[in-house]
Amino acid sequence: MIIKIYPQNPNEKAVAQVVEILAHDGVIIYPTDSVYAFGCSLKSNKAIERLRSLTGKTGSNFSIICPDLSTIATYAKVDNDTFKMLKRNLPGPFTFLLNASGKIPDKFLEKKKTVGVRIPDNAIPMALVEELGHPMVTASVKDSDEEEYTTDPSLIAERYGNAVDAIVDGGYGNNIPTTIVDCTDPEETVIVREGIGILQ
């Protein structure tokens, strides 16, 4: 199922349709401010397992999409300096690695103690998580060779249309992933991957 949502003004009815899928253990593909991504509800263990099967990835490769900084502070441990950096750079094409709080489900963590957090500068995922009421688990959509990111929603639908419950068509995506910033060590912030985001 392809659901068209325009990032300039996300249609409430379409957003509600996607959130209904997420709330019932669904897995979707949706646009971000970097590349297209898989998404599911953080509260659905069943959907997280499906996401693992689809991507072949483990929990350490997943991040969560949060609607705001206070939600990040609920699911991760954030000191004052880190909070200031998050505030300077979010919303934006960054994944910040933080130490997880006890609010992150064990099924997501898989014994790890860190979580990647995102607040994309794209109105579609923001509308989805706000309507859902809690974060989405997310992982990038890549081509089969695992080197290129798929940017065309119609090509994504051809490949994954039968594997996911909905594909949100928000127009062509970017082919550059997020910049990953490791903030788990309070003494040192490390850029793990240079991506589209330039750290402020």
C-alpha atoms as a PDB file:
ATOM      1  CA  MET A   1       0.000   0.000   0.000  1.00  0.00           C
ATOM      2  CA  ILE A   2       1.363   3.396  -1.019  1.00  0.00           C
ATOM      3  CA  ILE A   3       0.128   6.409   0.949  1.00  0.00           C
ATOM      4  CA  LYS A   4       0.984   9.822  -0.491  1.00  0.00           C
ATOM      5  CA  ILE A   5       1.807  12.493   2.088  1.00  0.00           C
ATOM      6  CA  TYR A   6       3.222  15.897   1.185  1.00  0.00           C
ATOM      7  CA  PRO A   7       5.997  17.086   3.544  1.00  0.00           C
ATOM      8  CA  GLN A   8       4.943  20.724   3.147  1.00  0.00           C
ATOM      9  CA  ASN A   9       1.542  20.031   4.712  1.00  0.00           C
ATOM     10  CA  PRO A  10       0.994  16.438   5.905  1.00  0.00           C
ATOM     11  CA  ASN A  11      -2.640  15.404   5.500  1.00  0.00           C
ATOM     12  CA  GLU A  12      -4.114  14.536   8.894  1.00  0.00           C
ATOM     13  CA  LYS A  13      -6.267  11.721   7.504  1.00  0.00           C
ATOM     14  CA  ALA A  14      -3.303  10.086   5.750  1.00  0.00           C
ATOM     15  CA  VAL A  15      -1.130  10.484   8.857  1.00  0.00           C
ATOM     16  CA  ALA A  16      -3.845   8.849  10.976  1.00  0.00           C
ATOM     17  CA  GLN A  17      -4.050   5.978   8.468  1.00  0.00           C
ATOM     18  CA  VAL A  18      -0.307   5.313   8.775  1.00  0.00           C
ATOM     19  CA  VAL A  19      -0.364   5.601  12.565  1.00  0.00           C
ATOM     20  CA  GLU A  20      -3.207   3.079  12.726  1.00  0.00           C
ATOM     21  CA  ILE A  21      -0.913   0.642  10.906  1.00  0.00           C
ATOM     22  CA  LEU A  22       1.972   1.389  13.290  1.00  0.00           C
ATOM     23  CA  ALA A  23      -0.289   0.940  16.318  1.00  0.00           C
ATOM     24  CA  HIS A  24      -1.232  -2.572  15.142  1.00  0.00           C
ATOM     25  CA  ASP A  25       2.273  -4.036  14.815  1.00  0.00           C
ATOM     26  CA  GLY A  26       2.773  -2.656  11.317  1.00  0.00           C
ATOM     27  CA  VAL A  27       6.048  -1.864   9.543  1.00  0.00           C
ATOM     28  CA  ILE A  28       6.258   1.063   7.155  1.00  0.00           C
ATOM     29  CA  ILE A  29       8.758   2.814   4.896  1.00  0.00           C
ATOM     30  CA  TYR A  30       8.767   6.602   5.116  1.00  0.00           C
ATOM     31  CA  PRO A  31      10.890   9.627   4.115  1.00  0.00           C
ATOM     32  CA  THR A  32      13.209  11.499   6.466  1.00  0.00           C
ATOM     33  CA  ASP A  33      15.457  14.534   5.989  1.00  0.00           C
ATOM     34  CA  SER A  34      18.178  12.170   4.778  1.00  0.00           C
ATOM     35  CA  VAL A  35      17.257   8.779   3.275  1.00  0.00           C
ATOM     36  CA  TYR A  36      14.061   6.720   3.218  1.00  0.00           C
ATOM     37  CA  ALA A  37      13.741   4.479   6.260  1.00  0.00           C
ATOM     38  CA  PHE A  38      11.862   1.534   7.700  1.00  0.00           C
ATOM     39  CA  GLY A  39       9.778   2.366  10.743  1.00  0.00           C
ATOM     40  CA  CYS A  40       7.688   0.685  13.416  1.00  0.00           C
ATOM     41  CA  SER A  41       6.362   1.431  16.881  1.00  0.00           C
ATOM     42  CA  LEU A  42       8.874   1.237  19.731  1.00  0.00           C
ATOM     43  CA  LYS A  43       6.134  -0.452  21.772  1.00  0.00           C
ATOM     44  CA  SER A  44       5.592  -3.302  19.299  1.00  0.00           C
ATOM     45  CA  ASN A  45       7.957  -6.227  19.920  1.00  0.00           C
ATOM     46  CA  LYS A  46       6.347  -8.060  17.012  1.00  0.00           C
ATOM     47  CA  ALA A  47       7.089  -5.202  14.598  1.00  0.00           C
ATOM     48  CA  ILE A  48      10.660  -4.839  15.877  1.00  0.00           C
ATOM     49  CA  GLU A  49      11.209  -8.537  15.129  1.00  0.00           C
ATOM     50  CA  ARG A  50       9.825  -8.002  11.613  1.00  0.00           C
ATOM     51  CA  LEU A  51      12.189  -5.071  11.173  1.00  0.00           C
ATOM     52  CA  ARG A  52      15.115  -7.301  12.127  1.00  0.00           C
ATOM     53  CA  SER A  53      14.059  -9.932   9.593  1.00  0.00           C
ATOM     54  CA  LEU A  54      13.564  -7.338   6.852  1.00  0.00           C
ATOM     55  CA  THR A  55      16.873  -5.571   7.327  1.00  0.00           C
ATOM     56  CA  GLY A  56      19.069  -8.354   8.699  1.00  0.00           C
ATOM     57  CA  LYS A  57      20.142  -5.843  11.332  1.00  0.00           C
ATOM     58  CA  THR A  58      20.332  -6.070  15.090  1.00  0.00           C
ATOM     59  CA  GLY A  59      19.266  -3.552  17.713  1.00  0.00           C
ATOM     60  CA  SER A  60      22.540  -1.658  17.564  1.00  0.00           C
ATOM     61  CA  ASN A  61      21.722  -0.667  13.974  1.00  0.00           C
ATOM     62  CA  PHE A  62      18.336   0.782  14.881  1.00  0.00           C
ATOM     63  CA  SER A  63      17.559   4.273  16.132  1.00  0.00           C
ATOM     64  CA  ILE A  64      14.425   5.936  17.414  1.00  0.00           C
ATOM     65  CA  ILE A  65      12.572   8.934  15.991  1.00  0.00           C
ATOM     66  CA  CYS A  66      11.471  11.357  18.699  1.00  0.00           C
ATOM     67  CA  PRO A  67       9.114  14.345  18.333  1.00  0.00           C
ATOM     68  CA  ASP A  68      11.113  16.662  20.618  1.00  0.00           C
ATOM     69  CA  LEU A  69      14.049  17.037  23.004  1.00  0.00           C
ATOM     70  CA  SER A  70      12.010  16.212  26.105  1.00  0.00           C
ATOM     71  CA  THR A  71      11.127  12.833  24.586  1.00  0.00           C
ATOM     72  CA  ILE A  72      14.817  12.174  23.917  1.00  0.00           C
ATOM     73  CA  ALA A  73      15.523  12.972  27.577  1.00  0.00           C
ATOM     74  CA  THR A  74      12.893  10.385  28.570  1.00  0.00           C
ATOM     75  CA  TYR A  75      14.467   7.562  26.572  1.00  0.00           C
ATOM     76  CA  ALA A  76      18.146   8.492  26.934  1.00  0.00           C
ATOM     77  CA  LYS A  77      20.491   9.962  29.526  1.00  0.00           C
ATOM     78  CA  VAL A  78      21.344  13.509  28.491  1.00  0.00           C
ATOM     79  CA  ASP A  79      23.750  15.777  30.390  1.00  0.00           C
ATOM     80  CA  ASN A  80      23.693  19.568  30.071  1.00  0.00           C
ATOM     81  CA  ASP A  81      26.429  19.854  27.420  1.00  0.00           C
ATOM     82  CA  THR A  82      24.861  17.145  25.291  1.00  0.00           C
ATOM     83  CA  PHE A  83      21.435  18.747  25.625  1.00  0.00           C
ATOM     84  CA  LYS A  84      22.840  22.051  24.358  1.00  0.00           C
ATOM     85  CA  MET A  85      24.387  20.283  21.354  1.00  0.00           C
ATOM     86  CA  LEU A  86      21.116  18.500  20.592  1.00  0.00           C
ATOM     87  CA  LYS A  87      19.281  21.801  20.814  1.00  0.00           C
ATOM     88  CA  ARG A  88      21.713  23.441  18.357  1.00  0.00           C
ATOM     89  CA  ASN A  89      21.476  20.662  15.771  1.00  0.00           C
ATOM     90  CA  LEU A  90      17.944  19.286  15.965  1.00  0.00           C
ATOM     91  CA  PRO A  91      15.707  18.990  14.069  1.00  0.00           C
ATOM     92  CA  GLY A  92      18.281  17.915  11.508  1.00  0.00           C
ATOM     93  CA  PRO A  93      19.926  15.006   9.658  1.00  0.00           C
ATOM     94  CA  PHE A  94      21.773  13.600  12.659  1.00  0.00           C
ATOM     95  CA  THR A  95      21.741  10.381  14.652  1.00  0.00           C
ATOM     96  CA  PHE A  96      23.019  10.984  18.180  1.00  0.00           C
ATOM     97  CA  LEU A  97      24.217   7.912  20.096  1.00  0.00           C
ATOM     98  CA  LEU A  98      23.300   8.266  23.768  1.00  0.00           C
ATOM     99  CA  ASN A  99      23.226   6.056  26.838  1.00  0.00           C
ATOM    100  CA  ALA A 100      19.759   4.516  27.044  1.00  0.00           C
ATOM    101  CA  SER A 101      17.387   5.056  29.954  1.00  0.00           C
ATOM    102  CA  GLY A 102      15.211   2.395  31.536  1.00  0.00           C
ATOM    103  CA  LYS A 103      12.313   3.477  29.308  1.00  0.00           C
ATOM    104  CA  ILE A 104      13.781   1.700  26.265  1.00  0.00           C
ATOM    105  CA  PRO A 105      12.233  -1.799  25.919  1.00  0.00           C
ATOM    106  CA  ASP A 106      14.606  -4.746  26.372  1.00  0.00           C
ATOM    107  CA  LYS A 107      13.451  -6.163  23.032  1.00  0.00           C
ATOM    108  CA  PHE A 108      14.886  -3.098  21.319  1.00  0.00           C
ATOM    109  CA  LEU A 109      18.116  -2.922  23.302  1.00  0.00           C
ATOM    110  CA  GLU A 110      19.220  -6.559  22.898  1.00  0.00           C
ATOM    111  CA  LYS A 111      21.595  -6.204  25.879  1.00  0.00           C
ATOM    112  CA  LYS A 112      23.189  -3.019  24.561  1.00  0.00           C
ATOM    113  CA  LYS A 113      23.078   0.093  26.695  1.00  0.00           C
ATOM    114  CA  THR A 114      23.023   2.805  24.032  1.00  0.00           C
ATOM    115  CA  VAL A 115      20.373   4.178  21.688  1.00  0.00           C
ATOM    116  CA  GLY A 116      20.537   6.274  18.534  1.00  0.00           C
ATOM    117  CA  VAL A 117      18.093   9.181  18.589  1.00  0.00           C
ATOM    118  CA  ARG A 118      16.760  11.336  15.758  1.00  0.00           C
ATOM    119  CA  ILE A 119      14.527  14.362  15.263  1.00  0.00           C
ATOM    120  CA  PRO A 120      14.389  14.670  11.460  1.00  0.00           C
ATOM    121  CA  ASP A 121      13.843  18.016   9.765  1.00  0.00           C
ATOM    122  CA  ASN A 122      10.908  16.585   7.821  1.00  0.00           C
ATOM    123  CA  ALA A 123       7.272  17.166   8.718  1.00  0.00           C
ATOM    124  CA  ILE A 124       6.147  13.634   7.777  1.00  0.00           C
ATOM    125  CA  PRO A 125       7.981  11.603  10.454  1.00  0.00           C
ATOM    126  CA  MET A 126       7.316  14.386  12.951  1.00  0.00           C
ATOM    127  CA  ALA A 127       3.572  14.162  12.288  1.00  0.00           C
ATOM    128  CA  LEU A 128       3.707  10.357  12.574  1.00  0.00           C
ATOM    129  CA  VAL A 129       5.454  10.221  15.966  1.00  0.00           C
ATOM    130  CA  GLU A 130       3.337  13.036  17.378  1.00  0.00           C
ATOM    131  CA  GLU A 131       0.145  11.197  16.397  1.00  0.00           C
ATOM    132  CA  LEU A 132       1.560   7.846  17.568  1.00  0.00           C
ATOM    133  CA  GLY A 133       2.384   9.282  20.979  1.00  0.00           C
ATOM    134  CA  HIS A 134       5.761   7.568  21.371  1.00  0.00           C
ATOM    135  CA  PRO A 135       8.938   7.056  19.286  1.00  0.00           C
ATOM    136  CA  MET A 136       9.301   4.990  16.128  1.00  0.00           C
ATOM    137  CA  VAL A 137      12.123   2.505  15.663  1.00  0.00           C
ATOM    138  CA  THR A 138      13.935   3.282  12.419  1.00  0.00           C
ATOM    139  CA  ALA A 139      16.567   1.866  10.032  1.00  0.00           C
ATOM    140  CA  SER A 140      17.685   3.146   6.616  1.00  0.00           C
ATOM    141  CA  VAL A 141      16.448   1.568   3.381  1.00  0.00           C
ATOM    142  CA  LYS A 142      19.340   0.492   1.170  1.00  0.00           C
ATOM    143  CA  ASP A 143      19.626  -1.121  -2.263  1.00  0.00           C
ATOM    144  CA  SER A 144      20.399  -4.827  -2.401  1.00  0.00           C
ATOM    145  CA  ASP A 145      24.126  -4.194  -2.799  1.00  0.00           C
ATOM    146  CA  GLU A 146      24.026  -2.361   0.562  1.00  0.00           C
ATOM    147  CA  GLU A 147      26.068   0.477  -0.881  1.00  0.00           C
ATOM    148  CA  GLU A 148      23.438   2.774  -2.335  1.00  0.00           C
ATOM    149  CA  TYR A 149      20.354   4.307  -0.756  1.00  0.00           C
ATOM    150  CA  THR A 150      17.087   4.093  -2.673  1.00  0.00           C
ATOM    151  CA  THR A 151      15.616   7.547  -3.265  1.00  0.00           C
ATOM    152  CA  ASP A 152      12.626   6.803  -5.535  1.00  0.00           C
ATOM    153  CA  PRO A 153       9.425   5.771  -3.684  1.00  0.00           C
ATOM    154  CA  SER A 154       8.153   3.829  -6.725  1.00  0.00           C
ATOM    155  CA  LEU A 155      11.332   1.704  -6.813  1.00  0.00           C
ATOM    156  CA  ILE A 156      11.054   1.191  -3.051  1.00  0.00           C
ATOM    157  CA  ALA A 157       7.463   0.009  -3.574  1.00  0.00           C
ATOM    158  CA  GLU A 158       8.583  -2.455  -6.271  1.00  0.00           C
ATOM    159  CA  ARG A 159      11.106  -4.015  -3.943  1.00  0.00           C
ATOM    160  CA  TYR A 160       9.400  -3.843  -0.559  1.00  0.00           C
ATOM    161  CA  GLY A 161       5.696  -3.463  -1.385  1.00  0.00           C
ATOM    162  CA  ASN A 162       4.871  -7.002  -0.273  1.00  0.00           C
ATOM    163  CA  ALA A 163       7.191  -6.955   2.743  1.00  0.00           C
ATOM    164  CA  VAL A 164       5.850  -3.895   4.584  1.00  0.00           C
ATOM    165  CA  ASP A 165       2.346  -2.727   5.445  1.00  0.00           C
ATOM    166  CA  ALA A 166       2.620   0.742   3.925  1.00  0.00           C
ATOM    167  CA  ILE A 167       5.033   2.926   1.989  1.00  0.00           C
ATOM    168  CA  VAL A 168       4.707   6.648   2.626  1.00  0.00           C
ATOM    169  CA  ASP A 169       5.444   8.478  -0.618  1.00  0.00           C
ATOM    170  CA  GLY A 170       6.815  11.863   0.376  1.00  0.00           C
ATOM    171  CA  GLY A 171       8.607  12.509  -2.928  1.00  0.00           C
ATOM    172  CA  TYR A 172      12.187  11.746  -3.852  1.00  0.00           C
ATOM    173  CA  GLY A 173      14.479  11.168  -0.878  1.00  0.00           C
ATOM    174  CA  ASN A 174      18.101  12.058  -0.341  1.00  0.00           C
ATOM    175  CA  ASN A 175      20.891   9.555  -0.991  1.00  0.00           C
ATOM    176  CA  ILE A 176      23.171  10.766   1.793  1.00  0.00           C
ATOM    177  CA  PRO A 177      22.596   9.301   5.268  1.00  0.00           C
ATOM    178  CA  THR A 178      22.653  11.105   8.603  1.00  0.00           C
ATOM    179  CA  THR A 179      25.783  12.170  10.406  1.00  0.00           C
ATOM    180  CA  ILE A 180      26.248   9.844  13.398  1.00  0.00           C
ATOM    181  CA  VAL A 181      27.561  11.488  16.576  1.00  0.00           C
ATOM    182  CA  ASP A 182      28.590   9.367  19.579  1.00  0.00           C
ATOM    183  CA  CYS A 183      27.829  11.192  22.835  1.00  0.00           C
ATOM    184  CA  THR A 184      28.055   8.196  25.155  1.00  0.00           C
ATOM    185  CA  ASP A 185      31.381   9.320  26.641  1.00  0.00           C
ATOM    186  CA  PRO A 186      30.872  12.552  28.622  1.00  0.00           C
ATOM    187  CA  GLU A 187      34.540  13.419  28.084  1.00  0.00           C
ATOM    188  CA  GLU A 188      34.548  13.154  24.292  1.00  0.00           C
ATOM    189  CA  THR A 189      32.088  13.564  21.425  1.00  0.00           C
ATOM    190  CA  VAL A 190      33.014  11.502  18.360  1.00  0.00           C
ATOM    191  CA  ILE A 191      31.651  11.747  14.808  1.00  0.00           C
ATOM    192  CA  VAL A 192      31.258   8.087  13.847  1.00  0.00           C
ATOM    193  CA  ARG A 193      30.019   8.731  10.305  1.00  0.00           C
ATOM    194  CA  GLU A 194      30.164  11.881   8.200  1.00  0.00           C
ATOM    195  CA  GLY A 195      26.796  12.313   6.541  1.00  0.00           C
ATOM    196  CA  ILE A 196      24.545  15.096   5.358  1.00  0.00           C
ATOM    197  CA  GLY A 197      24.505  16.917   8.704  1.00  0.00           C
ATOM    198  CA  ILE A 198      27.213  19.450   9.649  1.00  0.00           C
ATOM    199  CA  LEU A 199      27.578  19.603  13.419  1.00  0.00           C
ATOM    200  CA  GLN A 200      27.116  23.048  14.987  1.00  0.00           C
END
